[in-house]
Amino acid sequence: MSFVVLSKKKLLTTACFILTIIVTALSLGKTGAYQVFYGGTMRKLPIYSVQTEQKEVAISFDCAWGVDYTDRLLDIMEKEEVRCTFFMVEFWTKKYSDYVKKIDEKGHEIGTHSATHPYMSKLSKDAIIKELTTSSQAISDITGKKVEVFRPPYGDYNDNLIDTATELNLYVIQWDVDSLDWKDLSAKEIQNRVLSRVKNGSIVLFHNNGLHTADALPEIISALKGQGYEFVPIGELIYRDDYRMAVDGSQISNK
């Protein structure tokens, strides 16, 4: 009888352990922080969000393909008095320099999204340096401002990328709320995704050329304002020093 009881206890313990692993994996997978675990070792993390008691959220746009809806986005931001962050690929920056100027003049933050939009974890250190320095310089040549934030294309990174970007005084930025606007979701679907996921310190990912992004934004901004949220550029949301990273990619102040 004791053997049966012991077996049941072992079975229960094993089941609980397996369940914990599954829940953890699902939780990490939703944020992208599952990439922390790689081959049984810990990986360095970019910033997915910020742990804060302040009701602040950052809206961001990746700019790589076209400008069809960018004026509408800027008009919405101006009307709602919202400042956000635009991440620009170098070839986009050079092709649409007038939009770079316009975005900067309207008070938005501009970061680099690389030079050629590659999978940067596959690049050597020297290649990463070239991608980041030339793309940042292209932005600075137009705005006269130093670039401080960087978003890896495809959300792809490794320790080499994190270390190299940090050496170049760039904060590596991901997101914890993905609008999936690049999939041409309807405005309502985008709104539901974003509003159901935002929390204090969230970084929301949009694309400047998303088909229904401009249609979705007014309701998103209105709803979040109604919940007491304020909108700030990523550079004003993140901690600049004396912080640590949680396993889910959120930035925690040590102060």
Protein backbone atom coordinates (compact mmCIF):
# COMPACT_ATOMS: atom_id res chain seq x y z
CA MET A 1 0.00 0.00 0.00
CA SER A 2 2.84 2.42 0.89
CA PHE A 3 4.40 1.76 -2.53
CA VAL A 4 1.15 2.76 -4.24
CA VAL A 5 0.87 5.94 -2.17
CA LEU A 6 4.47 6.86 -2.92
CA SER A 7 3.91 6.27 -6.62
CA LYS A 8 0.86 8.50 -6.57
CA LYS A 9 2.86 11.25 -4.85
CA LYS A 10 5.63 10.94 -7.41
CA LEU A 11 3.10 10.99 -10.21
CA LEU A 12 1.44 14.11 -8.81
CA THR A 13 4.80 15.85 -8.36
CA THR A 14 5.84 14.99 -11.90
CA ALA A 15 2.53 16.19 -13.31
CA CYS A 16 2.83 19.50 -11.45
CA PHE A 17 6.38 19.94 -12.72
CA ILE A 18 5.36 19.31 -16.32
CA LEU A 19 2.39 21.67 -15.98
CA THR A 20 4.67 24.39 -14.64
CA ILE A 21 6.99 23.99 -17.62
CA ILE A 22 4.08 24.20 -20.06
CA VAL A 23 2.57 27.28 -18.42
CA THR A 24 5.96 29.01 -18.30
CA ALA A 25 6.67 28.20 -21.94
CA LEU A 26 3.28 29.52 -23.03
CA SER A 27 3.71 32.67 -20.97
CA LEU A 28 7.17 33.37 -22.33
CA GLY A 29 6.11 32.56 -25.85
CA LYS A 30 3.45 35.27 -25.79
CA THR A 31 6.04 37.96 -25.10
CA GLY A 32 8.92 36.62 -27.15
CA ALA A 33 10.95 36.22 -23.99
CA TYR A 34 11.19 32.49 -24.66
CA GLN A 35 14.29 33.49 -26.58
CA VAL A 36 16.02 34.02 -23.24
CA PHE A 37 16.38 30.26 -22.98
CA TYR A 38 18.65 28.87 -25.64
CA GLY A 39 20.51 25.61 -25.39
CA GLY A 40 20.10 25.59 -21.62
CA THR A 41 21.87 28.94 -21.18
CA MET A 42 20.64 32.47 -20.54
CA ARG A 43 20.61 35.01 -23.35
CA LYS A 44 20.85 38.76 -23.01
CA LEU A 45 17.59 40.61 -23.53
CA PRO A 46 16.41 43.70 -25.34
CA ILE A 47 13.73 45.83 -23.68
CA TYR A 48 10.22 44.48 -24.25
CA SER A 49 8.45 46.69 -21.72
CA VAL A 50 9.05 48.67 -18.53
CA GLN A 51 7.85 47.77 -15.05
CA THR A 52 6.39 50.97 -13.66
CA GLU A 53 3.56 52.16 -11.46
CA GLN A 54 3.01 55.06 -13.84
CA LYS A 55 0.17 54.66 -16.34
CA GLU A 56 2.42 55.27 -19.32
CA VAL A 57 2.56 53.51 -22.68
CA ALA A 58 4.74 53.95 -25.76
CA ILE A 59 3.42 53.69 -29.32
CA SER A 60 5.99 52.76 -31.96
CA PHE A 61 6.02 52.41 -35.73
CA ASP A 62 8.45 50.47 -37.90
CA CYS A 63 9.16 52.24 -41.20
CA ALA A 64 10.51 50.15 -44.05
CA TRP A 65 7.95 50.04 -46.86
CA GLY A 66 6.21 53.11 -48.25
CA VAL A 67 4.49 56.16 -46.76
CA ASP A 68 0.90 55.74 -47.96
CA TYR A 69 -0.70 56.23 -44.55
CA THR A 70 2.00 58.18 -42.72
CA ASP A 71 0.37 61.60 -43.08
CA ARG A 72 -2.84 60.25 -41.56
CA LEU A 73 -0.89 58.79 -38.66
CA LEU A 74 0.87 62.09 -38.04
CA ASP A 75 -2.42 64.00 -38.20
CA ILE A 76 -3.95 61.65 -35.63
CA MET A 77 -0.96 62.01 -33.31
CA GLU A 78 -1.04 65.78 -33.61
CA LYS A 79 -4.77 65.98 -32.95
CA GLU A 80 -4.51 63.67 -29.92
CA GLU A 81 -1.29 65.37 -28.69
CA VAL A 82 0.52 62.03 -28.68
CA ARG A 83 4.27 61.67 -29.20
CA CYS A 84 5.61 58.31 -30.26
CA THR A 85 8.69 56.58 -31.69
CA PHE A 86 9.41 55.78 -35.34
CA PHE A 87 12.07 53.17 -36.19
CA MET A 88 13.46 53.73 -39.68
CA VAL A 89 15.48 51.55 -42.03
CA GLU A 90 18.29 53.44 -43.75
CA PHE A 91 16.98 52.96 -47.29
CA TRP A 92 13.57 54.27 -46.15
CA THR A 93 15.25 57.21 -44.42
CA LYS A 94 17.08 58.25 -47.57
CA LYS A 95 14.14 57.71 -49.90
CA TYR A 96 11.67 59.62 -47.72
CA SER A 97 13.90 62.26 -46.13
CA ASP A 98 11.01 64.74 -46.25
CA TYR A 99 9.00 62.44 -43.97
CA VAL A 100 11.95 62.06 -41.62
CA LYS A 101 12.01 65.85 -41.27
CA LYS A 102 8.25 66.01 -40.83
CA ILE A 103 8.21 63.30 -38.15
CA ASP A 104 11.04 64.97 -36.26
CA GLU A 105 9.52 68.45 -36.48
CA LYS A 106 6.26 67.15 -35.01
CA GLY A 107 8.15 66.10 -31.87
CA HIS A 108 8.37 62.35 -32.36
CA GLU A 109 11.39 60.25 -31.47
CA ILE A 110 13.31 58.54 -34.28
CA GLY A 111 15.31 55.34 -33.87
CA THR A 112 17.15 53.07 -36.27
CA HIS A 113 15.68 49.86 -37.64
CA SER A 114 19.01 48.89 -39.29
CA ALA A 115 20.42 49.79 -42.70
CA THR A 116 19.18 46.92 -44.87
CA HIS A 117 16.61 45.10 -42.67
CA PRO A 118 18.56 41.83 -42.28
CA TYR A 119 18.35 39.05 -39.70
CA MET A 120 21.00 40.61 -37.53
CA SER A 121 21.74 37.56 -35.40
CA LYS A 122 23.38 36.11 -38.51
CA LEU A 123 25.79 39.03 -38.91
CA SER A 124 29.35 39.46 -37.66
CA LYS A 125 30.18 42.18 -35.16
CA ASP A 126 31.69 44.36 -37.89
CA ALA A 127 28.61 43.94 -40.08
CA ILE A 128 26.34 44.87 -37.16
CA ILE A 129 28.41 47.98 -36.46
CA LYS A 130 28.06 49.03 -40.10
CA GLU A 131 24.29 48.43 -40.09
CA LEU A 132 23.81 50.50 -36.95
CA THR A 133 26.26 53.34 -37.59
CA THR A 134 25.29 54.11 -41.19
CA SER A 135 21.57 53.95 -40.46
CA SER A 136 21.91 56.15 -37.38
CA GLN A 137 24.05 58.63 -39.30
CA ALA A 138 21.50 58.84 -42.10
CA ILE A 139 18.87 59.88 -39.54
CA SER A 140 21.17 62.31 -37.73
CA ASP A 141 22.16 63.96 -41.02
CA ILE A 142 18.52 64.94 -41.49
CA THR A 143 17.40 65.69 -37.92
CA GLY A 144 20.65 66.87 -36.35
CA LYS A 145 19.84 64.63 -33.38
CA LYS A 146 21.62 61.63 -31.93
CA VAL A 147 19.89 58.28 -32.37
CA GLU A 148 19.48 56.44 -29.06
CA VAL A 149 17.09 53.55 -29.69
CA PHE A 150 17.26 50.60 -32.08
CA ARG A 151 14.75 47.92 -33.01
CA PRO A 152 16.10 44.73 -34.66
CA PRO A 153 14.32 43.72 -37.87
CA TYR A 154 11.99 40.75 -37.37
CA GLY A 155 12.64 41.01 -33.62
CA ASP A 156 15.73 38.88 -34.30
CA TYR A 157 18.68 39.20 -31.91
CA ASN A 158 21.48 37.41 -30.08
CA ASP A 159 24.08 38.30 -27.46
CA ASN A 160 26.45 39.65 -30.10
CA LEU A 161 23.82 42.11 -31.32
CA ILE A 162 22.85 43.24 -27.82
CA ASP A 163 26.49 43.74 -26.81
CA THR A 164 27.43 45.57 -30.00
CA ALA A 165 24.42 47.90 -29.89
CA THR A 166 25.13 48.67 -26.23
CA GLU A 167 28.73 49.51 -27.08
CA LEU A 168 27.36 51.98 -29.62
CA ASN A 169 25.18 53.54 -26.89
CA LEU A 170 21.95 52.25 -28.38
CA TYR A 171 19.09 50.80 -26.34
CA VAL A 172 17.74 47.67 -28.03
CA ILE A 173 13.94 47.81 -28.11
CA GLN A 174 11.35 45.10 -28.76
CA TRP A 175 7.66 45.20 -27.82
CA ASP A 176 5.21 43.43 -25.54
CA VAL A 177 2.07 44.35 -27.51
CA ASP A 178 1.99 43.38 -31.18
CA SER A 179 -0.85 44.91 -33.20
CA LEU A 180 -0.22 42.48 -36.08
CA ASP A 181 -1.29 45.33 -38.38
CA TRP A 182 1.11 44.03 -41.03
CA LYS A 183 -1.26 41.09 -41.47
CA ASP A 184 -3.93 43.52 -42.71
CA LEU A 185 -6.20 42.84 -39.76
CA SER A 186 -9.33 44.97 -39.62
CA ALA A 187 -9.32 48.12 -37.50
CA LYS A 188 -11.53 46.40 -34.93
CA GLU A 189 -9.24 43.38 -34.71
CA ILE A 190 -6.24 45.65 -34.19
CA GLN A 191 -8.09 47.60 -31.51
CA ASN A 192 -9.09 44.44 -29.66
CA ARG A 193 -5.57 43.02 -29.75
CA VAL A 194 -3.95 46.17 -28.43
CA LEU A 195 -6.51 47.16 -25.81
CA SER A 196 -6.64 43.65 -24.33
CA ARG A 197 -2.85 43.53 -23.88
CA VAL A 198 -1.68 47.00 -22.84
CA LYS A 199 -0.48 47.51 -19.28
CA ASN A 200 1.67 50.06 -17.48
CA GLY A 201 4.98 50.40 -19.32
CA SER A 202 3.88 48.62 -22.50
CA ILE A 203 5.58 49.18 -25.85
CA VAL A 204 3.12 48.76 -28.72
CA LEU A 205 4.28 47.71 -32.20
CA PHE A 206 2.65 49.20 -35.31
CA HIS A 207 3.87 49.77 -38.86
CA ASN A 208 3.61 53.12 -40.62
CA ASN A 209 2.27 51.43 -43.74
CA GLY A 210 -0.22 49.08 -42.09
CA LEU A 211 -3.41 48.93 -44.13
CA HIS A 212 -5.83 49.63 -41.25
CA THR A 213 -3.48 51.08 -38.63
CA ALA A 214 -4.66 54.66 -39.05
CA ASP A 215 -8.29 53.50 -38.83
CA ALA A 216 -7.61 51.68 -35.56
CA LEU A 217 -5.53 54.29 -33.76
CA PRO A 218 -8.12 56.93 -32.79
CA GLU A 219 -10.20 54.42 -30.84
CA ILE A 220 -7.10 52.88 -29.24
CA ILE A 221 -5.81 56.25 -28.11
CA SER A 222 -9.23 57.37 -26.87
CA ALA A 223 -9.81 54.15 -24.92
CA LEU A 224 -6.39 54.22 -23.28
CA LYS A 225 -6.74 57.89 -22.37
CA GLY A 226 -10.06 56.97 -20.81
CA GLN A 227 -8.22 54.43 -18.66
CA GLY A 228 -5.83 57.14 -17.50
CA TYR A 229 -2.87 56.29 -19.72
CA GLU A 230 -0.39 58.86 -20.99
CA PHE A 231 1.66 58.39 -24.16
CA VAL A 232 5.41 58.94 -24.23
CA PRO A 233 8.20 58.12 -26.68
CA ILE A 234 10.18 55.00 -25.83
CA GLY A 235 13.23 57.06 -24.90
CA GLU A 236 11.21 58.70 -22.13
CA LEU A 237 9.62 55.45 -20.97
CA ILE A 238 12.72 53.32 -20.44
CA TYR A 239 15.20 53.46 -17.59
CA ARG A 240 18.56 54.75 -18.80
CA ASP A 241 20.72 53.28 -16.05
CA ASP A 242 20.67 51.28 -12.81
CA TYR A 243 18.17 48.69 -14.00
CA ARG A 244 17.89 44.93 -14.46
CA MET A 245 15.96 42.74 -16.87
CA ALA A 246 13.19 40.32 -15.86
CA VAL A 247 12.85 36.98 -17.61
CA ASP A 248 9.92 38.32 -19.67
CA GLY A 249 12.05 41.14 -21.07
CA SER A 250 10.62 43.87 -18.86
CA GLN A 251 12.98 46.49 -17.54
CA ILE A 252 13.05 46.95 -13.75
CA SER A 253 14.56 49.94 -11.95
CA ASN A 254 17.01 49.14 -9.15
CA LYS A 255 16.22 52.42 -7.42
